[in-house]
Amino acid sequence: MSVKQISVFLENKPGELNALTQVLASHHIDMRAMSLSETNEFGIARIIVDRPLDTATVLKDAGYVCTVTSVLAVAIPNVPGGLNQVLNVLSEANINLEYGYAFLGGKKDSAYMVFRVANNSTATAALREKGIRVAEPGELEGM
């Protein structure tokens, strides 16, 4: 299973992230998670929101270049080494991680890790086989 992530390309200059979040706020779009990466000229804001397809339309209408990507959101066991358990499963299944970022879930003791992998179905099957929970479509949007 996978969730929808929006990658937004931003110029690397003061106020760009503020302008992006203003567009989201003015359309009552709620962010669930965000990751930022950058180079000298541009940055990429990767966001998970409550209404991903509506958000992509709003952003494109506002002049942003963005893409919608399917990613995995994995519930990280709340024990020492919880992330390591997840990474062991993915490594043993020979699944390469393109990138990842973490965020807290709706519960106080809940955390998720978002992963971009080549094949979400293969990664999901490997994780579920070991009893690790992968977020269902719409689960994060409803937090």
C-alpha atoms as a PDB file:
ATOM      1  CA  MET A   1       0.000   0.000   0.000  1.00  0.00           C
ATOM      2  CA  SER A   2       1.119   3.551  -0.472  1.00  0.00           C
ATOM      3  CA  VAL A   3       0.248   7.122   0.357  1.00  0.00           C
ATOM      4  CA  LYS A   4       0.398  10.166  -1.916  1.00  0.00           C
ATOM      5  CA  GLN A   5       3.243  12.613  -1.454  1.00  0.00           C
ATOM      6  CA  ILE A   6       3.538  15.909  -3.286  1.00  0.00           C
ATOM      7  CA  SER A   7       6.991  17.138  -4.279  1.00  0.00           C
ATOM      8  CA  VAL A   8       7.070  20.888  -4.861  1.00  0.00           C
ATOM      9  CA  PHE A   9       9.988  22.578  -6.577  1.00  0.00           C
ATOM     10  CA  LEU A  10      10.959  25.884  -4.975  1.00  0.00           C
ATOM     11  CA  GLU A  11      13.560  28.505  -5.761  1.00  0.00           C
ATOM     12  CA  ASN A  12      16.220  28.572  -3.056  1.00  0.00           C
ATOM     13  CA  LYS A  13      15.596  32.124  -1.838  1.00  0.00           C
ATOM     14  CA  PRO A  14      14.066  33.781   1.238  1.00  0.00           C
ATOM     15  CA  GLY A  15      10.295  33.554   1.568  1.00  0.00           C
ATOM     16  CA  GLU A  16       9.659  30.680  -0.862  1.00  0.00           C
ATOM     17  CA  LEU A  17       8.588  28.170   1.784  1.00  0.00           C
ATOM     18  CA  ASN A  18       6.471  30.851   3.430  1.00  0.00           C
ATOM     19  CA  ALA A  19       4.708  31.508   0.108  1.00  0.00           C
ATOM     20  CA  LEU A  20       4.048  27.787  -0.355  1.00  0.00           C
ATOM     21  CA  THR A  21       2.568  27.374   3.113  1.00  0.00           C
ATOM     22  CA  GLN A  22       0.450  30.502   2.558  1.00  0.00           C
ATOM     23  CA  VAL A  23      -1.134  28.864  -0.493  1.00  0.00           C
ATOM     24  CA  LEU A  24      -1.842  25.744   1.549  1.00  0.00           C
ATOM     25  CA  ALA A  25      -3.262  27.726   4.462  1.00  0.00           C
ATOM     26  CA  SER A  26      -5.476  29.884   2.256  1.00  0.00           C
ATOM     27  CA  HIS A  27      -7.030  26.720   0.780  1.00  0.00           C
ATOM     28  CA  HIS A  28      -7.449  25.062   4.208  1.00  0.00           C
ATOM     29  CA  ILE A  29      -5.007  22.275   3.335  1.00  0.00           C
ATOM     30  CA  ASP A  30      -3.540  20.531   6.362  1.00  0.00           C
ATOM     31  CA  MET A  31       0.030  19.214   6.165  1.00  0.00           C
ATOM     32  CA  ARG A  32       0.692  15.899   7.887  1.00  0.00           C
ATOM     33  CA  ALA A  33       4.424  15.700   7.132  1.00  0.00           C
ATOM     34  CA  MET A  34       7.123  17.691   5.358  1.00  0.00           C
ATOM     35  CA  SER A  35      10.695  17.183   4.277  1.00  0.00           C
ATOM     36  CA  LEU A  36      12.980  19.773   2.693  1.00  0.00           C
ATOM     37  CA  SER A  37      16.056  19.247   0.555  1.00  0.00           C
ATOM     38  CA  GLU A  38      18.039  21.789  -1.392  1.00  0.00           C
ATOM     39  CA  THR A  39      20.772  22.704  -3.820  1.00  0.00           C
ATOM     40  CA  ASN A  40      22.187  26.173  -4.441  1.00  0.00           C
ATOM     41  CA  GLU A  41      19.467  27.095  -6.947  1.00  0.00           C
ATOM     42  CA  PHE A  42      16.340  25.210  -5.898  1.00  0.00           C
ATOM     43  CA  GLY A  43      14.775  23.094  -3.205  1.00  0.00           C
ATOM     44  CA  ILE A  44      12.206  20.361  -2.999  1.00  0.00           C
ATOM     45  CA  ALA A  45       9.486  20.372  -0.376  1.00  0.00           C
ATOM     46  CA  ARG A  46       7.999  16.907  -0.010  1.00  0.00           C
ATOM     47  CA  ILE A  47       4.658  17.065   1.742  1.00  0.00           C
ATOM     48  CA  ILE A  48       1.892  14.743   2.803  1.00  0.00           C
ATOM     49  CA  VAL A  49      -1.434  16.527   3.131  1.00  0.00           C
ATOM     50  CA  ASP A  50      -5.045  15.788   3.962  1.00  0.00           C
ATOM     51  CA  ARG A  51      -6.235  16.201   0.322  1.00  0.00           C
ATOM     52  CA  PRO A  52      -3.356  15.277  -1.995  1.00  0.00           C
ATOM     53  CA  LEU A  53      -5.060  15.453  -5.390  1.00  0.00           C
ATOM     54  CA  ASP A  54      -6.864  18.721  -4.596  1.00  0.00           C
ATOM     55  CA  THR A  55      -3.577  20.096  -3.283  1.00  0.00           C
ATOM     56  CA  ALA A  56      -1.692  19.264  -6.471  1.00  0.00           C
ATOM     57  CA  THR A  57      -4.333  21.137  -8.475  1.00  0.00           C
ATOM     58  CA  VAL A  58      -4.213  24.143  -6.135  1.00  0.00           C
ATOM     59  CA  LEU A  59      -0.425  24.283  -6.323  1.00  0.00           C
ATOM     60  CA  LYS A  60      -0.329  23.997 -10.108  1.00  0.00           C
ATOM     61  CA  ASP A  61      -2.973  26.724 -10.374  1.00  0.00           C
ATOM     62  CA  ALA A  62      -0.740  28.895  -8.147  1.00  0.00           C
ATOM     63  CA  GLY A  63       2.182  28.408 -10.555  1.00  0.00           C
ATOM     64  CA  TYR A  64       4.135  25.733  -8.698  1.00  0.00           C
ATOM     65  CA  VAL A  65       5.799  22.807 -10.417  1.00  0.00           C
ATOM     66  CA  CYS A  66       4.869  19.712  -8.448  1.00  0.00           C
ATOM     67  CA  THR A  67       4.501  15.975  -8.804  1.00  0.00           C
ATOM     68  CA  VAL A  68       2.441  13.393  -6.936  1.00  0.00           C
ATOM     69  CA  THR A  69       4.349  10.273  -5.941  1.00  0.00           C
ATOM     70  CA  SER A  70       3.316   7.082  -4.188  1.00  0.00           C
ATOM     71  CA  VAL A  71       5.457   6.451  -1.106  1.00  0.00           C
ATOM     72  CA  LEU A  72       5.339   4.070   1.844  1.00  0.00           C
ATOM     73  CA  ALA A  73       4.497   5.292   5.334  1.00  0.00           C
ATOM     74  CA  VAL A  74       5.646   2.664   7.804  1.00  0.00           C
ATOM     75  CA  ALA A  75       4.637   2.592  11.460  1.00  0.00           C
ATOM     76  CA  ILE A  76       7.859   2.414  13.426  1.00  0.00           C
ATOM     77  CA  PRO A  77       7.707   0.115  16.448  1.00  0.00           C
ATOM     78  CA  ASN A  78       8.052   2.197  19.627  1.00  0.00           C
ATOM     79  CA  VAL A  79      10.927   0.183  21.050  1.00  0.00           C
ATOM     80  CA  PRO A  80      14.688   0.688  21.037  1.00  0.00           C
ATOM     81  CA  GLY A  81      15.851  -0.432  17.599  1.00  0.00           C
ATOM     82  CA  GLY A  82      12.360  -0.056  16.073  1.00  0.00           C
ATOM     83  CA  LEU A  83      13.653   1.698  12.960  1.00  0.00           C
ATOM     84  CA  ASN A  84      16.455  -0.844  12.709  1.00  0.00           C
ATOM     85  CA  GLN A  85      13.856  -3.659  12.618  1.00  0.00           C
ATOM     86  CA  VAL A  86      12.176  -2.006   9.627  1.00  0.00           C
ATOM     87  CA  LEU A  87      15.468  -1.366   7.855  1.00  0.00           C
ATOM     88  CA  ASN A  88      16.583  -4.970   8.421  1.00  0.00           C
ATOM     89  CA  VAL A  89      13.447  -6.253   6.677  1.00  0.00           C
ATOM     90  CA  LEU A  90      13.937  -3.934   3.718  1.00  0.00           C
ATOM     91  CA  SER A  91      17.633  -4.775   3.481  1.00  0.00           C
ATOM     92  CA  GLU A  92      16.990  -8.525   3.627  1.00  0.00           C
ATOM     93  CA  ALA A  93      14.429  -8.101   0.819  1.00  0.00           C
ATOM     94  CA  ASN A  94      17.084  -6.242  -1.216  1.00  0.00           C
ATOM     95  CA  ILE A  95      14.973  -3.078  -1.334  1.00  0.00           C
ATOM     96  CA  ASN A  96      16.872   0.139  -1.942  1.00  0.00           C
ATOM     97  CA  LEU A  97      15.731   3.320  -0.194  1.00  0.00           C
ATOM     98  CA  GLU A  98      15.816   6.396  -2.418  1.00  0.00           C
ATOM     99  CA  TYR A  99      15.028   8.705   0.498  1.00  0.00           C
ATOM    100  CA  GLY A 100      13.082   8.827   3.733  1.00  0.00           C
ATOM    101  CA  TYR A 101      11.858  11.125   6.480  1.00  0.00           C
ATOM    102  CA  ALA A 102      10.064  10.684   9.776  1.00  0.00           C
ATOM    103  CA  PHE A 103       7.079  12.317  11.456  1.00  0.00           C
ATOM    104  CA  LEU A 104       4.936  11.773  14.525  1.00  0.00           C
ATOM    105  CA  GLY A 105       1.541  10.185  14.112  1.00  0.00           C
ATOM    106  CA  GLY A 106      -1.761  11.197  15.614  1.00  0.00           C
ATOM    107  CA  LYS A 107      -1.040   9.344  18.856  1.00  0.00           C
ATOM    108  CA  LYS A 108       1.548  10.424  21.388  1.00  0.00           C
ATOM    109  CA  ASP A 109       3.598   7.238  21.038  1.00  0.00           C
ATOM    110  CA  SER A 110       3.182   6.771  17.296  1.00  0.00           C
ATOM    111  CA  ALA A 111       5.749   7.611  14.623  1.00  0.00           C
ATOM    112  CA  TYR A 112       5.975   6.931  10.917  1.00  0.00           C
ATOM    113  CA  MET A 113       8.816   6.796   8.455  1.00  0.00           C
ATOM    114  CA  VAL A 114       8.110   7.697   4.846  1.00  0.00           C
ATOM    115  CA  PHE A 115      10.178   5.784   2.313  1.00  0.00           C
ATOM    116  CA  ARG A 116      10.544   6.156  -1.430  1.00  0.00           C
ATOM    117  CA  VAL A 117      11.359   2.785  -2.951  1.00  0.00           C
ATOM    118  CA  ALA A 118      11.275   1.405  -6.495  1.00  0.00           C
ATOM    119  CA  ASN A 119       8.411  -1.017  -5.833  1.00  0.00           C
ATOM    120  CA  ASN A 120       5.905  -0.208  -3.084  1.00  0.00           C
ATOM    121  CA  SER A 121       4.123  -3.569  -3.400  1.00  0.00           C
ATOM    122  CA  THR A 122       7.294  -5.605  -2.879  1.00  0.00           C
ATOM    123  CA  ALA A 123       8.333  -3.501   0.110  1.00  0.00           C
ATOM    124  CA  THR A 124       4.846  -3.649   1.621  1.00  0.00           C
ATOM    125  CA  ALA A 125       4.721  -7.447   1.280  1.00  0.00           C
ATOM    126  CA  ALA A 126       8.153  -7.853   2.892  1.00  0.00           C
ATOM    127  CA  LEU A 127       7.227  -5.599   5.809  1.00  0.00           C
ATOM    128  CA  ARG A 128       3.819  -7.150   6.405  1.00  0.00           C
ATOM    129  CA  GLU A 129       5.321 -10.633   6.318  1.00  0.00           C
ATOM    130  CA  LYS A 130       7.391  -9.599   9.352  1.00  0.00           C
ATOM    131  CA  GLY A 131       4.420  -8.007  11.141  1.00  0.00           C
ATOM    132  CA  ILE A 132       5.345  -4.398  10.427  1.00  0.00           C
ATOM    133  CA  ARG A 133       2.405  -2.117   9.711  1.00  0.00           C
ATOM    134  CA  VAL A 134       2.307  -0.020   6.547  1.00  0.00           C
ATOM    135  CA  ALA A 135      -0.177   2.861   6.432  1.00  0.00           C
ATOM    136  CA  GLU A 136      -3.243   2.317   4.287  1.00  0.00           C
ATOM    137  CA  PRO A 137      -4.229   4.835   1.600  1.00  0.00           C
ATOM    138  CA  GLY A 138      -6.066   7.707   3.288  1.00  0.00           C
ATOM    139  CA  GLU A 139      -4.836   6.824   6.786  1.00  0.00           C
ATOM    140  CA  LEU A 140      -2.414   9.747   7.085  1.00  0.00           C
ATOM    141  CA  GLU A 141      -4.803  12.186   5.492  1.00  0.00           C
ATOM    142  CA  GLY A 142      -7.318  11.373   8.246  1.00  0.00           C
ATOM    143  CA  MET A 143      -4.959  12.090  11.162  1.00  0.00           C
END
